[in-house]
Amino acid sequence: MTFVKQQVVKAVLGVALVCAFALPAAAQEMKIGVVSLPALIERAPQTKAAMDALQEEFAPRQREFQAKQKEYEDQATKAQKDLAVMGETERRNMEKELRDLQRELTRLQTEFQEDLNLRQNEEYGLLQRAMLKEVQEFAQAQDYDLIVGDGVLYVNAAANVTDDVLRIVEANYQATSAN
C-alpha cells in the first residue's frame, strides 16, 4: 500500500473508533419518555368537557327524536286497539300514517347519528392536536430528547411520562377554566 492509502485507512479507522466510543456515551445521556396518547386523551378533563358540550348541543334533537318515537308508539297502540272497529279505508289510512311516521323516525335517527359522529370526530381531532401540543411543551420544559407514542412494545414505568403529562394537562385546563 502506498503511504497516502495507509494514512487514509488509519484516519478512517480512527474516526470509526471515536464514533464507536462516542455514540454509546451520547445515547446514554439521551432523555427518552413514552406517552400513551389514547390514555391521555381518555383521561384528560378536556375530553369530558367536549363530550358534555356535545351532549348539550345534541340534546334538543335527541328529545325531538324521542317525542317522534313516542308518537309512533302511541299511534301503533291506538291502531292495534281500534283495528277491529275500523273500516277498510280507515285501516289503510292508519297503516299509511304509521309507515310514514316510521320512515320519519328512521330518517331522524340516521341524520342524528351521522351529525353526532361527525361532530365527535371533529372534537376528537381538536383534542388530539391539543394533547400533542401539550406533550411537546412538556418535553421541551422537561428537557426530553425523545418522546415516543404509539407502537411501543415495552416501556419501563420510569420512562412512561403519561401521568406526568396528564397532571400538566389538568393544571393547564384548571388555569384556563378559572379565567
Protein backbone atom coordinates (compact mmCIF):
# COMPACT_ATOMS: atom_id res chain seq x y z
CA MET A 1 0.00 0.00 0.00
CA THR A 2 1.14 3.46 -0.63
CA PHE A 3 1.80 5.89 2.15
CA VAL A 4 -1.29 8.01 1.36
CA LYS A 5 -3.58 4.99 1.36
CA GLN A 6 -2.19 3.88 4.71
CA GLN A 7 -2.81 7.31 6.20
CA VAL A 8 -6.38 7.39 4.84
CA VAL A 9 -7.08 3.91 6.27
CA LYS A 10 -5.65 4.98 9.66
CA ALA A 11 -7.76 8.13 9.63
CA VAL A 12 -10.93 6.21 8.74
CA LEU A 13 -10.23 3.64 11.47
CA GLY A 14 -9.54 6.43 13.95
CA VAL A 15 -12.82 8.15 13.12
CA ALA A 16 -14.67 4.82 13.35
CA LEU A 17 -13.17 4.15 16.81
CA VAL A 18 -14.06 7.62 18.03
CA CYS A 19 -17.63 7.19 16.75
CA ALA A 20 -17.87 3.73 18.30
CA PHE A 21 -16.98 5.11 21.74
CA ALA A 22 -18.80 8.42 21.40
CA LEU A 23 -22.19 7.09 20.24
CA PRO A 24 -22.90 4.90 23.30
CA ALA A 25 -21.91 7.78 25.57
CA ALA A 26 -24.25 10.13 23.72
CA ALA A 27 -27.03 7.54 23.71
CA GLN A 28 -26.72 7.08 27.46
CA GLU A 29 -27.31 10.75 28.03
CA MET A 30 -30.48 10.98 25.92
CA LYS A 31 -33.61 11.56 27.94
CA ILE A 32 -36.41 9.45 26.47
CA GLY A 33 -40.05 9.22 27.54
CA VAL A 34 -43.17 7.39 26.43
CA VAL A 35 -46.69 8.81 26.29
CA SER A 36 -49.84 6.85 25.61
CA LEU A 37 -51.82 9.41 23.63
CA PRO A 38 -55.08 7.39 23.70
CA ALA A 39 -54.87 7.10 27.50
CA LEU A 40 -54.00 10.78 27.80
CA ILE A 41 -56.98 11.82 25.68
CA GLU A 42 -59.31 9.45 27.51
CA ARG A 43 -58.34 10.76 30.95
CA ALA A 44 -57.95 14.46 30.11
CA PRO A 45 -60.57 16.82 31.57
CA GLN A 46 -60.87 18.48 28.16
CA THR A 47 -62.35 15.24 26.82
CA LYS A 48 -65.13 15.21 29.41
CA ALA A 49 -65.84 18.90 28.76
CA ALA A 50 -66.01 18.30 25.00
CA MET A 51 -68.33 15.30 25.40
CA ASP A 52 -70.59 17.26 27.79
CA ALA A 53 -70.74 20.12 25.27
CA LEU A 54 -71.67 17.67 22.51
CA GLN A 55 -74.35 16.14 24.73
CA GLU A 56 -75.79 19.59 25.34
CA GLU A 57 -75.55 20.51 21.65
CA PHE A 58 -77.46 17.41 20.54
CA ALA A 59 -79.96 17.20 23.41
CA PRO A 60 -82.76 19.10 21.57
CA ARG A 61 -82.52 16.76 18.59
CA GLN A 62 -82.45 13.76 20.92
CA ARG A 63 -85.66 15.00 22.60
CA GLU A 64 -87.26 15.57 19.18
CA PHE A 65 -86.46 12.01 18.17
CA GLN A 66 -87.81 10.61 21.44
CA ALA A 67 -91.04 12.62 21.03
CA LYS A 68 -91.49 11.24 17.48
CA GLN A 69 -90.80 7.75 18.74
CA LYS A 70 -93.43 8.12 21.47
CA GLU A 71 -95.89 9.49 18.91
CA TYR A 72 -95.29 6.44 16.72
CA GLU A 73 -95.72 4.03 19.64
CA ASP A 74 -98.93 5.78 20.74
CA GLN A 75 -100.38 5.65 17.21
CA ALA A 76 -99.37 2.00 16.82
CA THR A 77 -101.04 1.11 20.12
CA LYS A 78 -104.19 3.05 19.17
CA ALA A 79 -104.28 1.38 15.76
CA GLN A 80 -103.91 -2.05 17.36
CA LYS A 81 -106.88 -1.34 19.69
CA ASP A 82 -109.11 0.17 17.01
CA LEU A 83 -108.23 -2.29 14.23
CA ALA A 84 -111.36 -4.42 14.78
CA VAL A 85 -113.79 -1.47 14.52
CA MET A 86 -112.09 0.36 11.61
CA GLY A 87 -113.38 0.33 8.10
CA GLU A 88 -111.14 -0.68 5.19
CA THR A 89 -110.33 2.92 4.17
CA GLU A 90 -109.68 3.97 7.75
CA ARG A 91 -107.37 0.98 8.30
CA ARG A 92 -105.36 1.74 5.11
CA ASN A 93 -105.01 5.41 6.11
CA MET A 94 -103.83 4.42 9.59
CA GLU A 95 -101.29 1.95 8.14
CA LYS A 96 -100.03 4.64 5.75
CA GLU A 97 -99.65 7.14 8.59
CA LEU A 98 -97.73 4.56 10.63
CA ARG A 99 -95.42 3.76 7.70
CA ASP A 100 -94.79 7.47 7.09
CA LEU A 101 -94.08 8.03 10.77
CA GLN A 102 -91.72 5.02 10.82
CA ARG A 103 -89.82 6.43 7.80
CA GLU A 104 -89.60 9.83 9.50
CA LEU A 105 -88.26 8.16 12.65
CA THR A 106 -85.64 6.25 10.67
CA ARG A 107 -84.60 9.39 8.81
CA LEU A 108 -84.33 11.43 12.02
CA GLN A 109 -82.29 8.74 13.72
CA THR A 110 -79.92 8.36 10.76
CA GLU A 111 -79.38 12.12 10.43
CA PHE A 112 -78.88 12.47 14.16
CA GLN A 113 -76.31 9.68 14.29
CA GLU A 114 -74.40 10.96 11.25
CA ASP A 115 -74.26 14.51 12.61
CA LEU A 116 -73.24 13.30 16.07
CA ASN A 117 -70.48 11.11 14.63
CA LEU A 118 -69.20 13.99 12.51
CA ARG A 119 -69.06 16.35 15.50
CA GLN A 120 -67.44 13.70 17.71
CA ASN A 121 -64.73 13.17 15.09
CA GLU A 122 -64.17 16.93 14.84
CA GLU A 123 -63.84 17.24 18.63
CA TYR A 124 -61.55 14.20 18.80
CA GLY A 125 -59.28 15.77 16.16
CA LEU A 126 -59.13 19.00 18.16
CA LEU A 127 -58.34 17.03 21.33
CA GLN A 128 -55.58 15.10 19.57
CA ARG A 129 -53.94 18.29 18.34
CA ALA A 130 -54.23 19.90 21.78
CA MET A 131 -52.74 16.85 23.53
CA LEU A 132 -49.86 16.65 21.03
CA LYS A 133 -49.10 20.31 21.71
CA GLU A 134 -49.19 19.64 25.48
CA VAL A 135 -46.81 16.68 25.08
CA GLN A 136 -44.41 18.79 23.00
CA GLU A 137 -44.47 21.61 25.55
CA PHE A 138 -43.93 19.11 28.38
CA ALA A 139 -41.00 17.52 26.55
CA GLN A 140 -39.35 20.88 25.96
CA ALA A 141 -39.92 22.05 29.54
CA GLN A 142 -38.54 18.81 31.00
CA ASP A 143 -35.58 18.62 28.55
CA TYR A 144 -36.59 15.36 26.88
CA ASP A 145 -34.67 14.43 23.76
CA LEU A 146 -37.31 11.99 22.53
CA ILE A 147 -40.94 11.26 23.38
CA VAL A 148 -42.36 8.11 21.81
CA GLY A 149 -46.06 7.43 21.36
CA ASP A 150 -47.98 4.61 19.68
CA GLY A 151 -46.24 1.45 18.62
CA VAL A 152 -44.23 0.90 21.79
CA LEU A 153 -43.91 -2.79 22.61
CA TYR A 154 -42.35 -2.35 26.03
CA VAL A 155 -41.69 0.58 28.30
CA ASN A 156 -40.20 0.71 31.75
CA ALA A 157 -42.55 2.51 34.14
CA ALA A 158 -39.86 5.12 34.79
CA ALA A 159 -39.88 6.11 31.10
CA ASN A 160 -43.70 6.33 30.87
CA VAL A 161 -44.50 10.01 31.35
CA THR A 162 -48.22 9.81 30.51
CA ASP A 163 -49.27 10.58 34.09
CA ASP A 164 -46.81 13.48 34.31
CA VAL A 165 -48.19 14.97 31.10
CA LEU A 166 -51.75 14.38 32.34
CA ARG A 167 -51.01 16.39 35.50
CA ILE A 168 -49.76 19.28 33.35
CA VAL A 169 -52.81 18.99 31.06
CA GLU A 170 -55.14 19.05 34.07
CA ALA A 171 -53.33 22.03 35.58
CA ASN A 172 -53.50 23.93 32.27
CA TYR A 173 -57.19 23.10 31.96
CA GLN A 174 -57.87 24.29 35.50
CA ALA A 175 -55.98 27.52 34.77
CA THR A 176 -57.94 28.21 31.58
CA SER A 177 -61.27 27.23 33.20
CA ALA A 178 -60.68 29.64 36.07
CA ASN A 179 -60.25 32.58 33.69
